[in-house]
Structure formats: C-alpha cells, structure tokens
Amino acid sequence: MQDMIKRIIDADNEAKLLEEKSRKTAEARKEEIERQSKEMYDNYISDALETVKKNDAYEEQKTEKEWEEISARQQSVMIKLNSDYENNCDRWADEIVSRVLADD
C-alpha cells in the first residue's frame, strides 16, 4: 500500500514537473513570437520610412524641375509681351484714341 501511495505521489510530482516544463516552454515560445513580431514591425517601419524619404526627395526634385520650367516659360512670355509692347505701344495708343474719338 505504501508503495502504491509513493508511486501515486511520484506520478503526481512528475505530472507537476511536466506541466511546469510545458508552461515554461509555452511562455518562451510566446516571448519569441512577440520578439519576432516586434522585429518584423520595426523592420517594416524602418523600410517604410526609408521609402518615404526616397519619395520625398524624388517629389522635391520633380517639383523643382517643374517650377524651373514654368519660370522659364513665364520669363519667355514676359520677354515677348515686353517686346510687343515696345514695338506697338504708340500704334496701340493711337488706335485706342481714334476708336474713342470715333464713337463720340
């Protein structure tokens, strides 16, 4: 009878040890999964920030180029308008005066 009780106690102790080992293993796996998840998240965020920096630089260059093209076109138009004015201002003034006086 004593032997049987000892075997039951031993089996119970073994079960408790096995349960504790399983709990520790599960906890270790959970921690590893959390660590890997955080590492993956950090890598993803790092890559995303790098992509944003590259896109910002590209968009800034593109915008600067477009601004230079627009400025060049505006300068060209301004030169043409000034040239037209210089070449035609007297004729335009005379025509405006003659039209105003003709309507009276």
Protein backbone atom coordinates (compact mmCIF):
# COMPACT_ATOMS: atom_id res chain seq x y z
CA MET A 1 0.00 0.00 0.00
CA GLN A 2 2.86 2.36 0.89
CA ASP A 3 4.49 1.56 -2.42
CA MET A 4 1.31 2.38 -4.29
CA ILE A 5 0.91 5.72 -2.48
CA LYS A 6 4.57 6.54 -3.22
CA ARG A 7 4.05 5.75 -6.91
CA ILE A 8 0.94 7.96 -6.97
CA ILE A 9 2.87 10.81 -5.31
CA ASP A 10 5.78 10.30 -7.71
CA ALA A 11 3.41 10.31 -10.69
CA ASP A 12 1.76 13.46 -9.35
CA ASN A 13 5.16 15.15 -8.91
CA GLU A 14 6.17 14.11 -12.43
CA ALA A 15 2.92 15.49 -13.81
CA LYS A 16 3.54 18.78 -11.99
CA LEU A 17 7.09 18.97 -13.37
CA LEU A 18 5.85 18.18 -16.86
CA GLU A 19 3.13 20.80 -16.53
CA GLU A 20 5.67 23.39 -15.33
CA LYS A 21 8.02 22.50 -18.19
CA SER A 22 5.17 22.83 -20.70
CA ARG A 23 4.16 26.19 -19.22
CA LYS A 24 7.75 27.48 -19.42
CA THR A 25 8.10 26.22 -22.98
CA ALA A 26 4.83 27.90 -23.98
CA GLU A 27 5.91 31.13 -22.29
CA ALA A 28 9.30 31.01 -24.05
CA ARG A 29 7.58 30.45 -27.41
CA LYS A 30 5.19 33.32 -26.72
CA GLU A 31 8.12 35.62 -25.89
CA GLU A 32 9.96 34.51 -29.04
CA ILE A 33 6.89 35.18 -31.17
CA GLU A 34 6.48 38.62 -29.59
CA ARG A 35 10.18 39.37 -30.17
CA GLN A 36 9.96 38.28 -33.80
CA SER A 37 6.76 40.27 -34.28
CA LYS A 38 8.38 43.39 -32.88
CA GLU A 39 11.46 42.85 -35.04
CA MET A 40 9.30 42.43 -38.15
CA TYR A 41 7.29 45.53 -37.26
CA ASP A 42 10.43 47.58 -36.63
CA ASN A 43 11.91 46.41 -39.95
CA TYR A 44 8.68 47.25 -41.77
CA ILE A 45 8.53 50.73 -40.23
CA SER A 46 12.20 51.32 -40.99
CA ASP A 47 11.71 50.28 -44.62
CA ALA A 48 8.57 52.41 -44.89
CA LEU A 49 10.37 55.48 -43.53
CA GLU A 50 13.22 54.92 -45.97
CA THR A 51 10.73 54.67 -48.84
CA VAL A 52 9.05 57.89 -47.70
CA LYS A 53 12.42 59.68 -47.63
CA LYS A 54 13.21 58.49 -51.15
CA ASN A 55 9.77 59.51 -52.39
CA ASP A 56 10.07 62.92 -50.71
CA ALA A 57 13.42 63.53 -52.38
CA TYR A 58 12.06 62.43 -55.77
CA GLU A 59 8.93 64.59 -55.45
CA GLU A 60 11.00 67.57 -54.35
CA GLN A 61 13.30 67.22 -57.38
CA LYS A 62 10.31 66.78 -59.67
CA THR A 63 8.59 69.86 -58.24
CA GLU A 64 11.77 71.92 -58.51
CA LYS A 65 12.17 70.91 -62.17
CA GLU A 66 8.53 71.78 -62.92
CA TRP A 67 8.97 75.14 -61.17
CA GLU A 68 12.06 75.90 -63.26
CA GLU A 69 10.19 75.00 -66.46
CA ILE A 70 7.22 77.19 -65.51
CA SER A 71 9.53 80.06 -64.57
CA ALA A 72 11.35 79.75 -67.89
CA ARG A 73 8.04 79.81 -69.80
CA GLN A 74 6.85 82.83 -67.82
CA GLN A 75 10.12 84.62 -68.49
CA SER A 76 9.80 83.85 -72.21
CA VAL A 77 6.22 85.15 -72.28
CA MET A 78 7.26 88.28 -70.37
CA ILE A 79 10.05 88.97 -72.86
CA LYS A 80 7.61 88.55 -75.78
CA LEU A 81 5.00 90.80 -74.13
CA ASN A 82 7.60 93.48 -73.42
CA SER A 83 8.85 93.24 -77.00
CA ASP A 84 5.30 93.50 -78.37
CA TYR A 85 4.66 96.49 -76.11
CA GLU A 86 7.89 98.24 -77.15
CA ASN A 87 7.17 97.64 -80.84
CA ASN A 88 3.47 98.53 -80.77
CA CYS A 89 2.75 100.87 -77.84
CA ASP A 90 2.49 104.04 -79.98
CA ARG A 91 0.30 102.34 -82.61
CA TRP A 92 -1.96 100.85 -79.88
CA ALA A 93 -2.29 104.19 -78.13
CA ASP A 94 -3.16 105.92 -81.41
CA GLU A 95 -5.72 103.22 -82.23
CA ILE A 96 -7.35 103.46 -78.79
CA VAL A 97 -7.58 107.25 -79.09
CA SER A 98 -9.04 107.07 -82.60
CA ARG A 99 -11.65 104.48 -81.54
CA VAL A 100 -12.67 106.55 -78.51
CA LEU A 101 -12.96 109.69 -80.58
CA ALA A 102 -14.76 107.90 -83.41
CA ASP A 103 -17.53 106.70 -81.08
CA ASP A 104 -18.38 110.21 -79.94
